[in-house]
Amino acid sequence: MQNRQEGPGTKGLSRSPRSRGLLAASLLFASGLGGCAPWQVVAIDAEPAPIEVFVDGRRVVEMPADGLRLRADRSHILHFEREGYRAEQVVLERVAGEDPPRLNPDRVSVRLHPIEMRTRQIDVELQPVHVPAQIEEGVAK
């Protein structure tokens, strides 16, 4: 017995459990999640701790001790930030012509620098000084 699904774009299509499984496997493979993509571990040394790390705009929740495991078949942008510090970005580029593909650099070291604070402002209020009306040769009378 086949399952028939009705809806937009499915009119007249029947999908058996086997065909649905093949479709799911095809989509998984096409999206690159099938395990065939080359991976590379990139060592990360970032200070001061704690520091937030983003890979291609997605926050890394927990940094593995050995580094980030990234797909090596495409470039990535690493973003490092911490409140009160100047954020930094590092681009990991896919090395063209390599088989298997690899990322460069394979080790990233980042030191964030504090944002320069403005010098403190001192408010000064000047009071008028009484100057004598007559001054002769630099001597007040």
Protein backbone atom coordinates (compact mmCIF):
# COMPACT_ATOMS: atom_id res chain seq x y z
CA MET A 1 0.00 0.00 0.00
CA GLN A 2 1.35 3.42 -0.94
CA ASN A 3 0.88 6.63 0.97
CA ARG A 4 -0.66 9.39 -1.09
CA GLN A 5 -0.04 12.97 -0.01
CA GLU A 6 -2.17 15.80 -1.28
CA GLY A 7 -1.17 19.44 -1.10
CA PRO A 8 0.60 22.12 -3.12
CA GLY A 9 3.07 20.52 -5.49
CA THR A 10 2.20 16.96 -4.43
CA LYS A 11 -0.97 16.31 -6.44
CA GLY A 12 -0.86 12.85 -7.84
CA LEU A 13 2.49 11.95 -6.24
CA SER A 14 2.66 8.84 -4.17
CA ARG A 15 5.49 8.23 -1.79
CA SER A 16 6.27 4.89 -0.29
CA PRO A 17 8.33 4.76 2.90
CA ARG A 18 11.29 3.63 0.76
CA SER A 19 10.99 6.59 -1.65
CA ARG A 20 10.68 9.02 1.27
CA GLY A 21 13.87 7.56 2.75
CA LEU A 22 15.69 7.95 -0.58
CA LEU A 23 14.44 11.52 -0.87
CA ALA A 24 15.66 12.34 2.65
CA ALA A 25 19.07 10.76 1.94
CA SER A 26 19.33 12.72 -1.32
CA LEU A 27 18.54 16.00 0.43
CA LEU A 28 21.02 15.22 3.19
CA PHE A 29 23.75 14.49 0.64
CA ALA A 30 22.92 17.59 -1.44
CA SER A 31 23.08 19.82 1.63
CA GLY A 32 26.59 18.60 2.46
CA LEU A 33 25.56 16.94 5.70
CA GLY A 34 26.11 13.43 4.40
CA GLY A 35 29.57 13.15 5.91
CA CYS A 36 31.43 13.41 2.60
CA ALA A 37 32.59 16.98 3.09
CA PRO A 38 36.25 17.35 4.10
CA TRP A 39 36.76 18.65 7.63
CA GLN A 40 39.67 20.34 9.33
CA VAL A 41 40.34 21.22 12.96
CA VAL A 42 41.61 24.79 13.31
CA ALA A 43 43.40 25.51 16.60
CA ILE A 44 42.17 28.70 18.32
CA ASP A 45 44.08 30.73 20.90
CA ALA A 46 42.01 33.76 21.93
CA GLU A 47 42.49 36.16 24.84
CA PRO A 48 41.36 37.63 27.16
CA ALA A 49 39.00 34.97 28.43
CA PRO A 50 36.06 34.76 28.42
CA ILE A 51 35.69 35.64 24.74
CA GLU A 52 32.80 35.12 22.35
CA VAL A 53 33.57 33.39 19.05
CA PHE A 54 31.36 33.41 15.96
CA VAL A 55 31.88 31.27 12.84
CA ASP A 56 30.16 32.61 9.72
CA GLY A 57 27.83 34.64 11.95
CA ARG A 58 26.90 31.76 14.25
CA ARG A 59 27.95 31.88 17.91
CA VAL A 60 30.17 29.03 19.12
CA VAL A 61 28.55 27.88 22.35
CA GLU A 62 31.50 25.88 23.65
CA MET A 63 35.04 25.98 22.30
CA PRO A 64 36.54 22.47 22.02
CA ALA A 65 40.01 22.16 23.57
CA ASP A 66 41.59 21.00 20.29
CA GLY A 67 39.97 23.76 18.19
CA LEU A 68 37.08 24.30 15.82
CA ARG A 69 36.07 21.53 13.40
CA LEU A 70 35.21 23.31 10.14
CA ARG A 71 34.40 22.30 6.60
CA ALA A 72 37.58 22.65 4.57
CA ASP A 73 35.87 22.94 1.19
CA ARG A 74 34.90 26.60 1.73
CA SER A 75 36.23 29.74 3.41
CA HIS A 76 35.02 30.91 6.82
CA ILE A 77 34.94 34.17 8.80
CA LEU A 78 35.81 33.98 12.49
CA HIS A 79 34.67 36.89 14.67
CA PHE A 80 35.98 37.43 18.20
CA GLU A 81 34.45 39.84 20.71
CA ARG A 82 34.26 40.79 24.35
CA GLU A 83 32.57 43.75 26.00
CA GLY A 84 34.99 46.66 26.49
CA TYR A 85 37.38 45.32 23.84
CA ARG A 86 37.84 45.99 20.15
CA ALA A 87 36.37 43.07 18.12
CA GLU A 88 38.53 41.27 15.54
CA GLN A 89 37.85 39.09 12.53
CA VAL A 90 39.98 36.44 10.88
CA VAL A 91 39.28 34.96 7.45
CA LEU A 92 40.10 31.30 6.96
CA GLU A 93 40.55 30.82 3.24
CA ARG A 94 40.13 27.58 1.37
CA VAL A 95 43.42 26.81 -0.36
CA ALA A 96 42.66 26.41 -4.07
CA GLY A 97 43.90 23.34 -5.89
CA GLU A 98 44.53 21.27 -2.76
CA ASP A 99 43.22 17.71 -2.63
CA PRO A 100 41.91 17.17 -0.04
CA PRO A 101 40.90 20.80 0.50
CA ARG A 102 42.38 22.64 3.47
CA LEU A 103 42.00 25.95 5.27
CA ASN A 104 44.68 28.56 5.77
CA PRO A 105 45.69 29.48 8.42
CA ASP A 106 45.30 26.22 10.35
CA ARG A 107 46.03 27.98 13.67
CA VAL A 108 44.51 31.30 14.82
CA SER A 109 45.86 33.43 17.65
CA VAL A 110 43.88 36.54 18.64
CA ARG A 111 44.51 39.10 21.39
CA LEU A 112 41.72 41.62 21.84
CA HIS A 113 42.73 45.11 22.92
CA PRO A 114 40.72 47.30 25.30
CA ILE A 115 38.75 50.10 23.75
CA GLU A 116 40.56 53.34 24.51
CA MET A 117 38.65 55.29 27.07
CA ARG A 118 38.28 59.00 26.61
CA THR A 119 40.25 61.08 29.06
CA ARG A 120 38.17 62.39 31.88
CA GLN A 121 36.67 65.80 31.31
CA ILE A 122 37.22 68.47 33.91
CA ASP A 123 34.74 71.31 33.97
CA VAL A 124 36.34 74.64 34.82
CA GLU A 125 34.40 77.77 35.59
CA LEU A 126 36.28 81.06 35.34
CA GLN A 127 35.40 84.05 37.52
CA PRO A 128 36.00 87.58 36.25
CA VAL A 129 38.91 89.38 37.86
CA HIS A 130 38.57 93.03 38.88
CA VAL A 131 41.04 95.10 36.91
CA PRO A 132 41.71 98.73 38.07
CA ALA A 133 40.51 101.37 35.63
CA GLN A 134 43.83 103.20 35.42
CA ILE A 135 47.10 101.54 34.70
CA GLU A 136 50.23 103.61 34.22
CA GLU A 137 53.32 101.98 32.87
CA GLY A 138 52.20 98.54 34.05
CA VAL A 139 51.45 99.62 37.64
CA ALA A 140 47.88 99.81 38.90
CA LYS A 141 46.83 102.97 40.78
